[in-house]
Amino acid sequence: MPLNFELVTPEKLLRSEEVHMVVVPGTEGDFGVLERHAPVMSTMRDGDIQIFATAGDTPETIKVEGGFAEVNEKGLTILAEKIVDGE
């Protein structure tokens, strides 16, 4: 089953899609979120969110600066303070 994933900044909703897994740069270390993950809320450090569209897929990487990640029965929502544009 896919994971419902949303990526939000203070300005707007950037992504809302179903994915296989997301790896979040938590302040206590990176953690992966799959469908039916236990509810959790974590602050995020500056780092890369890795989005896996399907199992075994090469992840898409989005660089963020700070924020929060919340996992609940609806899926994963990341509230990023800032998205860092690539080179």
N, C-alpha and C. Protein backbone atom coordinates (compact mmCIF):
# COMPACT_ATOMS: atom_id res chain seq x y z
N MET A 1 0.84 -1.19 0.00
CA MET A 1 0.00 0.00 0.00
C MET A 1 0.88 1.25 0.00
N PRO A 2 0.48 2.27 -0.73
CA PRO A 2 1.29 3.49 -0.77
C PRO A 2 1.11 4.37 0.47
N LEU A 3 2.10 5.22 0.68
CA LEU A 3 2.11 6.18 1.77
C LEU A 3 1.64 7.53 1.22
N ASN A 4 0.68 8.16 1.89
CA ASN A 4 0.24 9.50 1.50
C ASN A 4 1.26 10.49 2.05
N PHE A 5 1.90 11.27 1.16
CA PHE A 5 2.97 12.18 1.53
C PHE A 5 2.63 13.60 1.11
N GLU A 6 2.78 14.54 2.06
CA GLU A 6 2.61 15.96 1.74
C GLU A 6 3.82 16.73 2.20
N LEU A 7 4.29 17.65 1.36
CA LEU A 7 5.40 18.54 1.68
C LEU A 7 4.88 19.97 1.61
N VAL A 8 4.98 20.67 2.74
CA VAL A 8 4.41 22.00 2.86
C VAL A 8 5.48 22.97 3.35
N THR A 9 5.46 24.19 2.80
CA THR A 9 6.30 25.28 3.31
C THR A 9 5.35 26.35 3.84
N PRO A 10 5.87 27.37 4.52
CA PRO A 10 4.98 28.45 4.98
C PRO A 10 4.23 29.12 3.83
N GLU A 11 4.76 29.06 2.62
CA GLU A 11 4.13 29.71 1.48
C GLU A 11 3.04 28.87 0.82
N LYS A 12 3.28 27.54 0.69
CA LYS A 12 2.32 26.73 -0.08
C LYS A 12 2.54 25.23 0.10
N LEU A 13 1.58 24.47 -0.40
CA LEU A 13 1.68 23.02 -0.49
C LEU A 13 2.50 22.72 -1.74
N LEU A 14 3.65 22.06 -1.56
CA LEU A 14 4.52 21.76 -2.71
C LEU A 14 4.24 20.40 -3.33
N ARG A 15 3.93 19.42 -2.50
CA ARG A 15 3.72 18.05 -3.00
C ARG A 15 2.57 17.41 -2.24
N SER A 16 1.79 16.63 -2.91
CA SER A 16 0.78 15.79 -2.29
C SER A 16 0.64 14.58 -3.20
N GLU A 17 1.18 13.45 -2.76
CA GLU A 17 1.21 12.28 -3.64
C GLU A 17 1.34 11.00 -2.82
N GLU A 18 1.12 9.89 -3.49
CA GLU A 18 1.31 8.59 -2.88
C GLU A 18 2.68 8.07 -3.29
N VAL A 19 3.47 7.64 -2.30
CA VAL A 19 4.83 7.14 -2.55
C VAL A 19 5.03 5.84 -1.78
N HIS A 20 6.16 5.19 -2.02
CA HIS A 20 6.49 3.96 -1.30
C HIS A 20 7.06 4.27 0.08
N MET A 21 8.05 5.19 0.14
CA MET A 21 8.72 5.48 1.40
C MET A 21 9.36 6.86 1.32
N VAL A 22 9.48 7.51 2.50
CA VAL A 22 10.18 8.78 2.60
C VAL A 22 11.17 8.67 3.76
N VAL A 23 12.41 9.11 3.53
CA VAL A 23 13.42 9.17 4.59
C VAL A 23 13.54 10.63 5.02
N VAL A 24 13.34 10.86 6.33
CA VAL A 24 13.27 12.20 6.89
C VAL A 24 14.53 12.48 7.71
N PRO A 25 15.13 13.68 7.55
CA PRO A 25 16.31 14.05 8.36
C PRO A 25 15.88 14.58 9.74
N GLY A 26 15.54 13.66 10.64
CA GLY A 26 15.12 14.05 11.98
C GLY A 26 16.28 14.59 12.80
N THR A 27 15.97 15.37 13.82
CA THR A 27 17.04 15.92 14.66
C THR A 27 17.77 14.82 15.43
N GLU A 28 17.11 13.69 15.67
CA GLU A 28 17.74 12.57 16.37
C GLU A 28 18.31 11.55 15.40
N GLY A 29 18.28 11.86 14.11
CA GLY A 29 18.80 10.95 13.09
C GLY A 29 17.76 10.73 12.00
N ASP A 30 18.20 10.20 10.87
CA ASP A 30 17.29 9.93 9.76
C ASP A 30 16.34 8.80 10.12
N PHE A 31 15.10 8.88 9.64
CA PHE A 31 14.16 7.78 9.83
C PHE A 31 13.29 7.62 8.61
N GLY A 32 13.01 6.37 8.29
CA GLY A 32 12.18 6.06 7.13
C GLY A 32 10.73 5.89 7.53
N VAL A 33 9.83 6.33 6.66
CA VAL A 33 8.40 6.21 6.92
C VAL A 33 7.76 5.44 5.77
N LEU A 34 7.10 4.34 6.13
CA LEU A 34 6.33 3.53 5.20
C LEU A 34 4.86 3.62 5.59
N GLU A 35 3.97 3.12 4.73
CA GLU A 35 2.55 3.04 5.05
C GLU A 35 2.36 2.33 6.38
N ARG A 36 1.45 2.79 7.19
CA ARG A 36 1.10 2.23 8.50
C ARG A 36 2.19 2.41 9.55
N HIS A 37 3.05 3.41 9.37
CA HIS A 37 4.06 3.73 10.38
C HIS A 37 3.35 4.19 11.65
N ALA A 38 3.93 3.91 12.81
CA ALA A 38 3.36 4.37 14.07
C ALA A 38 3.32 5.89 14.10
N PRO A 39 2.30 6.48 14.71
CA PRO A 39 2.23 7.93 14.80
C PRO A 39 3.45 8.51 15.52
N VAL A 40 4.00 9.59 14.96
CA VAL A 40 5.17 10.23 15.55
C VAL A 40 5.23 11.68 15.06
N MET A 41 5.81 12.53 15.89
CA MET A 41 6.09 13.90 15.47
C MET A 41 7.55 14.16 15.80
N SER A 42 8.28 14.76 14.87
CA SER A 42 9.71 15.00 15.06
C SER A 42 10.10 16.34 14.46
N THR A 43 11.05 17.00 15.11
CA THR A 43 11.66 18.17 14.47
C THR A 43 12.67 17.66 13.46
N MET A 44 12.97 18.50 12.48
CA MET A 44 13.92 18.11 11.43
C MET A 44 15.12 19.04 11.47
N ARG A 45 16.27 18.45 11.15
CA ARG A 45 17.48 19.25 10.99
C ARG A 45 17.63 19.59 9.50
N ASP A 46 18.56 20.47 9.19
CA ASP A 46 18.86 20.75 7.78
C ASP A 46 19.37 19.46 7.15
N GLY A 47 18.86 19.12 5.99
CA GLY A 47 19.30 17.90 5.34
C GLY A 47 18.43 17.57 4.14
N ASP A 48 18.51 16.32 3.71
CA ASP A 48 17.81 15.87 2.51
C ASP A 48 16.64 14.96 2.86
N ILE A 49 15.49 15.27 2.29
CA ILE A 49 14.36 14.34 2.31
C ILE A 49 14.56 13.44 1.09
N GLN A 50 14.45 12.13 1.30
CA GLN A 50 14.57 11.18 0.18
C GLN A 50 13.19 10.57 -0.06
N ILE A 51 12.70 10.72 -1.29
CA ILE A 51 11.37 10.23 -1.64
C ILE A 51 11.51 9.06 -2.60
N PHE A 52 11.04 7.89 -2.17
CA PHE A 52 11.08 6.68 -3.00
C PHE A 52 9.68 6.46 -3.59
N ALA A 53 9.53 6.66 -4.89
CA ALA A 53 8.23 6.49 -5.54
C ALA A 53 7.76 5.04 -5.46
N THR A 54 8.69 4.11 -5.66
CA THR A 54 8.38 2.68 -5.58
C THR A 54 9.52 1.97 -4.86
N ALA A 55 9.27 0.74 -4.42
CA ALA A 55 10.30 -0.04 -3.74
C ALA A 55 11.47 -0.27 -4.70
N GLY A 56 12.69 -0.07 -4.21
CA GLY A 56 13.88 -0.28 -5.02
C GLY A 56 14.18 0.84 -6.00
N ASP A 57 13.35 1.87 -6.00
CA ASP A 57 13.54 3.00 -6.90
C ASP A 57 14.68 3.89 -6.41
N THR A 58 15.30 4.63 -7.31
CA THR A 58 16.28 5.65 -6.92
C THR A 58 15.51 6.81 -6.31
N PRO A 59 15.91 7.28 -5.13
CA PRO A 59 15.12 8.32 -4.49
C PRO A 59 15.29 9.69 -5.13
N GLU A 60 14.22 10.46 -5.08
CA GLU A 60 14.30 11.89 -5.41
C GLU A 60 14.71 12.58 -4.11
N THR A 61 15.61 13.55 -4.20
CA THR A 61 16.12 14.22 -3.01
C THR A 61 15.71 15.69 -3.02
N ILE A 62 15.19 16.14 -1.88
CA ILE A 62 14.82 17.55 -1.72
C ILE A 62 15.53 18.06 -0.47
N LYS A 63 16.33 19.10 -0.63
CA LYS A 63 17.09 19.67 0.49
C LYS A 63 16.21 20.65 1.25
N VAL A 64 16.15 20.47 2.59
CA VAL A 64 15.34 21.33 3.43
C VAL A 64 16.18 21.94 4.54
N GLU A 65 15.69 23.04 5.07
CA GLU A 65 16.29 23.66 6.25
C GLU A 65 15.22 23.72 7.32
N GLY A 66 15.36 22.86 8.33
CA GLY A 66 14.47 22.87 9.48
C GLY A 66 13.03 22.50 9.17
N GLY A 67 12.26 22.36 10.24
CA GLY A 67 10.85 22.06 10.10
C GLY A 67 10.42 20.94 11.02
N PHE A 68 9.25 20.38 10.71
CA PHE A 68 8.66 19.30 11.49
C PHE A 68 8.15 18.22 10.56
N ALA A 69 8.11 17.00 11.06
CA ALA A 69 7.52 15.88 10.34
C ALA A 69 6.47 15.25 11.25
N GLU A 70 5.29 15.00 10.70
CA GLU A 70 4.23 14.35 11.47
C GLU A 70 3.72 13.15 10.71
N VAL A 71 3.70 11.99 11.41
CA VAL A 71 3.12 10.78 10.85
C VAL A 71 1.86 10.50 11.64
N ASN A 72 0.75 10.31 10.93
CA ASN A 72 -0.50 9.92 11.58
C ASN A 72 -1.21 8.91 10.70
N GLU A 73 -2.47 8.59 11.03
CA GLU A 73 -3.18 7.56 10.27
C GLU A 73 -3.41 7.96 8.81
N LYS A 74 -3.31 9.26 8.50
CA LYS A 74 -3.49 9.74 7.13
C LYS A 74 -2.22 9.66 6.30
N GLY A 75 -1.04 9.56 6.95
CA GLY A 75 0.22 9.51 6.22
C GLY A 75 1.27 10.41 6.85
N LEU A 76 2.18 10.92 6.02
CA LEU A 76 3.30 11.76 6.46
C LEU A 76 3.13 13.17 5.92
N THR A 77 3.21 14.14 6.83
CA THR A 77 3.22 15.55 6.43
C THR A 77 4.52 16.16 6.91
N ILE A 78 5.24 16.80 6.00
CA ILE A 78 6.46 17.51 6.35
C ILE A 78 6.19 18.99 6.21
N LEU A 79 6.41 19.72 7.30
CA LEU A 79 6.28 21.17 7.32
C LEU A 79 7.70 21.73 7.32
N ALA A 80 8.21 22.05 6.16
CA ALA A 80 9.59 22.51 6.02
C ALA A 80 9.66 24.01 6.18
N GLU A 81 10.62 24.49 6.98
CA GLU A 81 10.82 25.93 7.10
C GLU A 81 11.26 26.53 5.78
N LYS A 82 12.12 25.79 5.06
CA LYS A 82 12.64 26.31 3.79
C LYS A 82 13.09 25.15 2.91
N ILE A 83 12.82 25.28 1.62
CA ILE A 83 13.33 24.34 0.62
C ILE A 83 14.53 25.02 -0.03
N VAL A 84 15.65 24.31 -0.11
CA VAL A 84 16.87 24.86 -0.71
C VAL A 84 16.92 24.43 -2.17
N ASP A 85 16.96 25.40 -3.07
CA ASP A 85 17.03 25.10 -4.50
C ASP A 85 18.38 24.48 -4.83
N GLY A 86 18.34 23.54 -5.77
CA GLY A 86 19.58 22.89 -6.20
C GLY A 86 20.45 23.82 -7.02
N GLU A 87 21.63 23.31 -7.37
CA GLU A 87 22.58 24.11 -8.15
C GLU A 87 22.01 24.43 -9.51
